[in-house]
Amino acid sequence: MIKAVFLDIDGTLRDERHGIPASAVQAIGMCRESGIQVVICTGRNLASIQPDVKALTVDGIIAGGGCLILEEGRVRKNLFFQYEEIKEMIHVLVRKEVPFALESQQGIFMNKAASLWFRKDFERKLEGLEPWERQRRREENGIRYEDNMAWYRPGHDAIHKVCIWSPMDEREEMEGMASRAGTIVQQGGLDGRWYLEVLPPGCTKGEAIREWCRMKAVSPSDTISFGDGRNDIEMILSTGIGVAMADGDPELRKRADAVCGTAMEDGICRELVRRGVISMEPYGVENRAGMRRGASMERRADMEKQYQRRTQYQENFRREK
């Protein structure tokens, strides 16, 4: 019996172009109505989580790739590097002029080269959209891609993630340096560079999920997770059922127990319905979550507000088009 659902954000719960599908909002409401915990599990820092995700009513948030755990707004875990642990790495990256970024829960510090990589990757995801829609997506993204490394205060800002775009001929050196400082949670070739994502030792989405389960006295075998990226592999292996999105990373799909449709194909909702976690008859986004007989008045009001917010967003979107 499923007692907790863990959801990655980008490319899973949320489509980069269109936001959160109404079916996912509905599925979250129906899970919580049934007493099933819903937890956001993202590599994003807390400050960059999008407004439509923050508007959802969930039981908890795992952010920073597992470094931060929030339970109904209360901090249960907050891990970050000690400055001495990353001092050498920062020195080498600056000296070699390698694109890199330092991430705290309040913001992201990046050098000029890294800001260009971030911006290029994000803009690529917006290709084909109208100019006004691209601008709105930029505002919703919550991350400013600019050279702001001068704002970083060594020993003061609590850094929990280091992102490195290593030259291919320096890959081994960078991997060794990163491994000495922490845990490499994601790596791979990217536009002629070798990308590395480094978190504090032992900090992963999977470990954070195990901590959540211990905290809430839930067996991991009674949980299900959804993800799309390579950094979600440990997450899906840490839950009883691990589901990969159809357009997700090939390696993740190999390791998953199941593959569901994309975000805009109502993948999350359909998979939860298919497995009997929630029931939706007849299936369709017009069914209002939280309106079933027996739901508490508080839950009904909560779900009705979420439905109204999503309906209003869709109506505004149609008018703007």
Protein backbone atom coordinates (compact mmCIF):
# COMPACT_ATOMS: atom_id res chain seq x y z
CA MET A 1 0.00 0.00 0.00
CA ILE A 2 1.47 3.34 -1.06
CA LYS A 3 1.90 5.78 1.84
CA ALA A 4 4.17 8.41 0.27
CA VAL A 5 4.80 9.85 -3.20
CA PHE A 6 8.06 11.64 -4.08
CA LEU A 7 8.07 13.96 -7.11
CA ASP A 8 10.95 15.58 -8.96
CA ILE A 9 10.02 19.00 -10.42
CA ASP A 10 11.65 19.86 -13.76
CA GLY A 11 10.59 17.50 -16.52
CA THR A 12 8.53 15.40 -14.11
CA LEU A 13 5.91 17.27 -12.12
CA ARG A 14 6.42 20.37 -14.22
CA ASP A 15 6.86 20.83 -17.97
CA GLU A 16 9.53 23.43 -18.81
CA ARG A 17 7.23 25.14 -21.31
CA HIS A 18 3.73 24.71 -19.94
CA GLY A 19 4.12 24.45 -16.18
CA ILE A 20 2.28 21.91 -14.02
CA PRO A 21 -0.51 20.02 -15.79
CA ALA A 22 -3.91 20.19 -14.09
CA SER A 23 -3.94 16.41 -13.79
CA ALA A 24 -0.85 16.47 -11.56
CA VAL A 25 -2.39 19.09 -9.27
CA GLN A 26 -5.46 16.91 -9.08
CA ALA A 27 -3.48 13.74 -8.35
CA ILE A 28 -1.60 15.45 -5.52
CA GLY A 29 -4.88 16.52 -3.97
CA MET A 30 -6.39 13.06 -4.22
CA CYS A 31 -3.31 11.46 -2.67
CA ARG A 32 -3.38 13.80 0.30
CA GLU A 33 -7.12 13.35 0.68
CA SER A 34 -6.49 9.63 1.00
CA GLY A 35 -3.81 10.15 3.65
CA ILE A 36 -0.89 9.58 1.28
CA GLN A 37 2.05 11.92 1.86
CA VAL A 38 3.27 13.94 -1.12
CA VAL A 39 6.83 15.26 -1.06
CA ILE A 40 8.59 17.42 -3.65
CA CYS A 41 12.11 16.07 -4.28
CA THR A 42 14.19 18.45 -6.39
CA GLY A 43 17.76 19.34 -7.22
CA ARG A 44 16.76 23.02 -7.17
CA ASN A 45 17.59 25.17 -4.20
CA LEU A 46 14.68 26.47 -2.16
CA ALA A 47 14.85 29.99 -3.62
CA SER A 48 14.57 28.82 -7.24
CA ILE A 49 11.53 26.56 -6.84
CA GLN A 50 8.91 27.98 -9.19
CA PRO A 51 5.85 29.88 -7.87
CA ASP A 52 3.34 27.33 -9.21
CA VAL A 53 5.16 24.55 -7.34
CA LYS A 54 5.27 26.60 -4.13
CA ALA A 55 1.52 27.18 -4.49
CA LEU A 56 0.87 23.45 -4.17
CA THR A 57 -0.17 22.02 -0.81
CA VAL A 58 2.24 19.18 -0.06
CA ASP A 59 3.56 17.45 3.04
CA GLY A 60 7.20 18.31 2.54
CA ILE A 61 10.01 19.47 0.29
CA ILE A 62 13.40 17.86 -0.29
CA ALA A 63 15.55 20.51 -2.01
CA GLY A 64 19.13 20.93 -3.11
CA GLY A 65 19.33 17.33 -4.28
CA GLY A 66 18.71 16.06 -0.76
CA CYS A 67 20.60 18.66 1.31
CA LEU A 68 17.45 20.28 2.73
CA ILE A 69 14.34 18.63 4.15
CA LEU A 70 11.29 20.71 5.02
CA GLU A 71 8.27 19.18 6.72
CA GLU A 72 5.28 21.50 6.51
CA GLY A 73 7.65 24.48 6.55
CA ARG A 74 9.89 23.23 9.38
CA VAL A 75 13.55 22.53 8.64
CA ARG A 76 14.40 18.90 9.45
CA LYS A 77 17.77 18.75 7.68
CA ASN A 78 20.11 21.35 6.25
CA LEU A 79 23.49 20.13 5.04
CA PHE A 80 26.15 22.22 3.30
CA PHE A 81 29.88 22.26 2.68
CA GLN A 82 32.23 23.67 5.25
CA TYR A 83 34.32 26.31 3.52
CA GLU A 84 37.54 24.35 4.08
CA GLU A 85 36.01 21.42 2.16
CA ILE A 86 35.62 23.41 -1.07
CA LYS A 87 38.33 26.04 -0.64
CA GLU A 88 40.88 24.11 -2.75
CA MET A 89 38.30 23.33 -5.43
CA ILE A 90 37.25 26.98 -5.79
CA HIS A 91 40.89 28.08 -5.97
CA VAL A 92 41.64 25.62 -8.79
CA LEU A 93 38.48 26.51 -10.74
CA VAL A 94 39.23 30.24 -10.54
CA ARG A 95 42.89 29.75 -11.51
CA LYS A 96 42.00 27.59 -14.52
CA GLU A 97 39.07 29.86 -15.51
CA VAL A 98 36.70 26.88 -15.63
CA PRO A 99 32.95 27.63 -15.78
CA PHE A 100 31.51 26.87 -12.34
CA ALA A 101 28.65 27.78 -10.02
CA LEU A 102 28.15 27.66 -6.25
CA GLU A 103 24.66 27.09 -4.95
CA SER A 104 23.12 27.97 -1.58
CA GLN A 105 19.48 27.67 -0.55
CA GLN A 106 19.16 31.45 -1.04
CA GLY A 107 20.75 31.82 -4.46
CA ILE A 108 23.28 30.72 -7.08
CA PHE A 109 26.69 32.31 -7.58
CA MET A 110 28.19 31.79 -11.03
CA ASN A 111 31.09 33.12 -13.03
CA LYS A 112 30.54 34.61 -16.48
CA ALA A 113 31.29 31.41 -18.35
CA ALA A 114 28.84 29.41 -16.22
CA SER A 115 26.11 32.01 -16.66
CA LEU A 116 26.42 31.60 -20.44
CA TRP A 117 26.11 27.79 -20.14
CA PHE A 118 23.07 28.06 -17.88
CA ARG A 119 21.38 30.60 -20.15
CA LYS A 120 22.08 28.60 -23.31
CA ASP A 121 20.62 25.42 -21.80
CA PHE A 122 17.50 27.19 -20.54
CA GLU A 123 16.86 29.09 -23.76
CA ARG A 124 17.17 25.85 -25.73
CA LYS A 125 14.17 24.51 -23.79
CA LEU A 126 12.09 27.53 -24.82
CA GLU A 127 12.65 27.23 -28.56
CA GLY A 128 9.44 27.49 -30.56
CA LEU A 129 7.53 29.55 -27.99
CA GLU A 130 6.17 33.02 -28.66
CA PRO A 131 8.38 35.89 -27.36
CA TRP A 132 5.89 36.89 -24.65
CA GLU A 133 5.65 33.29 -23.46
CA ARG A 134 9.43 32.88 -23.36
CA GLN A 135 9.64 35.99 -21.19
CA ARG A 136 7.06 34.65 -18.78
CA ARG A 137 8.92 31.35 -18.49
CA ARG A 138 12.13 33.25 -17.71
CA GLU A 139 10.38 35.11 -14.91
CA GLU A 140 8.85 31.92 -13.53
CA ASN A 141 12.18 30.10 -13.63
CA GLY A 142 13.44 31.96 -10.56
CA ILE A 143 17.13 31.93 -11.56
CA ARG A 144 19.09 34.93 -12.85
CA TYR A 145 21.84 33.85 -15.24
CA GLU A 146 24.47 36.51 -14.65
CA ASP A 147 28.08 36.82 -13.55
CA ASN A 148 27.60 37.37 -9.81
CA MET A 149 30.51 35.40 -8.33
CA ALA A 150 31.77 38.63 -6.77
CA TRP A 151 28.77 38.48 -4.43
CA TYR A 152 29.88 35.17 -2.94
CA ARG A 153 31.12 35.54 0.65
CA PRO A 154 33.57 32.72 1.49
CA GLY A 155 32.86 31.17 4.87
CA HIS A 156 29.53 32.98 5.17
CA ASP A 157 27.31 31.69 2.34
CA ALA A 158 26.29 28.08 3.04
CA ILE A 159 27.13 26.30 -0.23
CA HIS A 160 25.52 22.90 -0.76
CA LYS A 161 26.20 22.34 -4.46
CA VAL A 162 29.07 22.97 -6.86
CA CYS A 163 28.50 22.74 -10.63
CA ILE A 164 31.54 22.39 -12.90
CA TRP A 165 31.88 22.43 -16.70
CA SER A 166 35.28 20.81 -17.09
CA PRO A 167 37.34 20.76 -20.29
CA MET A 168 37.43 17.18 -21.56
CA ASP A 169 41.23 16.95 -21.24
CA GLU A 170 40.99 17.88 -17.54
CA ARG A 171 38.10 15.54 -16.74
CA GLU A 172 40.06 13.12 -14.54
CA GLU A 173 41.65 15.92 -12.52
CA MET A 174 38.28 17.59 -11.94
CA GLU A 175 36.57 14.33 -11.01
CA GLY A 176 39.29 13.52 -8.49
CA MET A 177 39.11 16.97 -6.96
CA ALA A 178 35.30 16.84 -6.76
CA SER A 179 35.35 13.35 -5.21
CA ARG A 180 37.70 14.52 -2.47
CA ALA A 181 35.35 17.36 -1.60
CA GLY A 182 32.01 15.56 -1.72
CA THR A 183 29.67 13.27 -3.69
CA ILE A 184 29.36 13.52 -7.48
CA VAL A 185 25.62 13.09 -8.04
CA GLN A 186 25.52 13.85 -11.74
CA GLN A 187 28.07 13.86 -14.54
CA GLY A 188 28.19 13.57 -18.30
CA GLY A 189 29.21 15.13 -21.57
CA LEU A 190 27.57 18.45 -22.40
CA ASP A 191 28.35 20.46 -25.53
CA GLY A 192 32.02 19.48 -25.57
CA ARG A 193 32.51 19.78 -21.79
CA TRP A 194 32.30 17.30 -18.92
CA TYR A 195 29.62 18.43 -16.48
CA LEU A 196 29.94 17.60 -12.77
CA GLU A 197 27.44 18.25 -9.98
CA VAL A 198 28.88 17.90 -6.48
CA LEU A 199 27.05 17.75 -3.12
CA PRO A 200 28.35 17.31 0.45
CA PRO A 201 29.53 13.77 1.32
CA GLY A 202 26.67 11.26 1.44
CA CYS A 203 24.06 13.80 0.37
CA THR A 204 21.66 12.49 -2.30
CA LYS A 205 17.96 12.47 -3.04
CA GLY A 206 17.89 8.80 -2.09
CA GLU A 207 19.40 9.38 1.35
CA ALA A 208 16.98 12.25 1.99
CA ILE A 209 14.05 9.98 1.09
CA ARG A 210 15.31 7.34 3.53
CA GLU A 211 15.57 10.02 6.22
CA TRP A 212 12.01 11.17 5.48
CA CYS A 213 10.75 7.60 5.77
CA ARG A 214 12.52 7.11 9.10
CA MET A 215 11.15 10.41 10.36
CA LYS A 216 7.58 9.57 9.33
CA ALA A 217 7.76 5.85 10.23
CA VAL A 218 7.02 4.85 6.63
CA SER A 219 8.58 1.79 5.04
CA PRO A 220 10.43 2.66 1.80
CA SER A 221 8.66 -0.33 0.24
CA ASP A 222 5.39 1.58 0.65
CA THR A 223 6.57 4.56 -1.41
CA ILE A 224 6.67 5.55 -5.08
CA SER A 225 8.81 8.15 -6.84
CA PHE A 226 8.78 9.88 -10.22
CA GLY A 227 11.80 11.39 -11.97
CA ASP A 228 13.36 12.17 -15.34
CA GLY A 229 17.06 12.90 -14.82
CA ARG A 230 20.19 10.90 -14.14
CA ASN A 231 20.36 12.49 -10.68
CA ASP A 232 17.02 10.77 -9.97
CA ILE A 233 18.48 7.27 -10.22
CA GLU A 234 19.19 6.94 -6.51
CA MET A 235 15.76 8.40 -5.77
CA ILE A 236 13.88 5.77 -7.76
CA LEU A 237 16.06 3.01 -6.32
CA SER A 238 15.27 4.19 -2.78
CA THR A 239 11.51 3.84 -3.09
CA GLY A 240 9.38 0.73 -3.39
CA ILE A 241 8.40 1.72 -6.93
CA GLY A 242 10.52 3.96 -9.13
CA VAL A 243 8.92 5.50 -12.20
CA ALA A 244 10.76 7.28 -15.02
CA MET A 245 9.15 9.76 -17.37
CA ALA A 246 8.94 8.70 -21.02
CA ASP A 247 11.23 11.54 -22.12
CA GLY A 248 13.64 11.00 -19.24
CA ASP A 249 17.31 10.02 -19.22
CA PRO A 250 17.90 6.64 -20.93
CA GLU A 251 19.92 5.30 -17.99
CA LEU A 252 17.15 6.25 -15.58
CA ARG A 253 14.55 4.49 -17.73
CA LYS A 254 16.66 1.31 -17.66
CA ARG A 255 16.76 1.30 -13.86
CA ALA A 256 13.10 2.20 -13.30
CA ASP A 257 10.35 -0.23 -12.38
CA ALA A 258 8.06 1.48 -14.89
CA VAL A 259 7.97 4.26 -17.47
CA CYS A 260 5.01 6.63 -17.60
CA GLY A 261 3.94 9.35 -20.03
CA THR A 262 5.46 12.81 -20.04
CA ALA A 263 4.25 15.60 -17.78
CA MET A 264 1.93 16.99 -20.45
CA GLU A 265 0.65 13.49 -21.21
CA ASP A 266 -0.63 13.34 -17.62
CA GLY A 267 2.04 10.75 -16.86
CA ILE A 268 2.03 11.03 -13.08
CA CYS A 269 -1.74 11.00 -12.71
CA ARG A 270 -2.25 8.14 -15.15
CA GLU A 271 0.40 5.99 -13.48
CA LEU A 272 -1.09 6.55 -10.02
CA VAL A 273 -4.53 5.66 -11.39
CA ARG A 274 -3.14 2.59 -13.18
CA ARG A 275 -1.61 1.33 -9.96
CA GLY A 276 -4.76 1.96 -7.94
CA VAL A 277 -3.09 4.59 -5.74
CA ILE A 278 -5.87 7.01 -6.64
CA SER A 279 -9.18 6.49 -8.40
CA MET A 280 -10.56 8.82 -11.01
CA GLU A 281 -13.76 7.77 -12.77
CA PRO A 282 -14.32 9.00 -15.35
CA TYR A 283 -10.68 9.98 -15.94
CA GLY A 284 -10.17 13.60 -16.88
CA VAL A 285 -8.78 16.86 -15.60
CA GLU A 286 -12.27 18.25 -15.19
CA ASN A 287 -12.83 15.97 -12.16
CA ARG A 288 -12.25 18.12 -9.12
CA ALA A 289 -9.82 16.67 -6.62
CA GLY A 290 -11.03 16.64 -3.05
CA MET A 291 -14.71 16.63 -3.96
CA ARG A 292 -15.31 12.94 -3.37
CA ARG A 293 -17.76 11.85 -0.69
CA GLY A 294 -16.16 11.52 2.74
CA ALA A 295 -13.48 14.15 2.25
CA SER A 296 -13.10 16.44 5.23
CA MET A 297 -14.30 20.02 4.87
CA GLU A 298 -10.75 21.26 5.38
CA ARG A 299 -9.39 19.04 2.63
CA ARG A 300 -12.28 19.93 0.34
CA ALA A 301 -11.58 23.65 0.76
CA ASP A 302 -7.86 23.07 0.23
CA MET A 303 -8.37 21.13 -3.00
CA GLU A 304 -11.00 23.54 -4.27
CA LYS A 305 -8.52 26.42 -3.89
CA GLN A 306 -5.87 24.51 -5.83
CA TYR A 307 -8.39 23.71 -8.57
CA GLN A 308 -9.49 27.34 -8.80
CA ARG A 309 -5.88 28.58 -8.99
CA ARG A 310 -5.09 26.20 -11.82
CA THR A 311 -8.34 26.96 -13.66
CA GLN A 312 -7.69 30.70 -13.42
CA TYR A 313 -4.13 30.22 -14.73
CA GLN A 314 -5.42 28.26 -17.71
CA GLU A 315 -8.10 30.86 -18.45
CA ASN A 316 -5.53 33.68 -18.34
CA PHE A 317 -3.26 31.67 -20.62
CA ARG A 318 -6.05 31.18 -23.17
CA ARG A 319 -6.92 34.89 -23.14
CA GLU A 320 -3.28 35.89 -23.69
CA LYS A 321 -3.03 33.55 -26.67
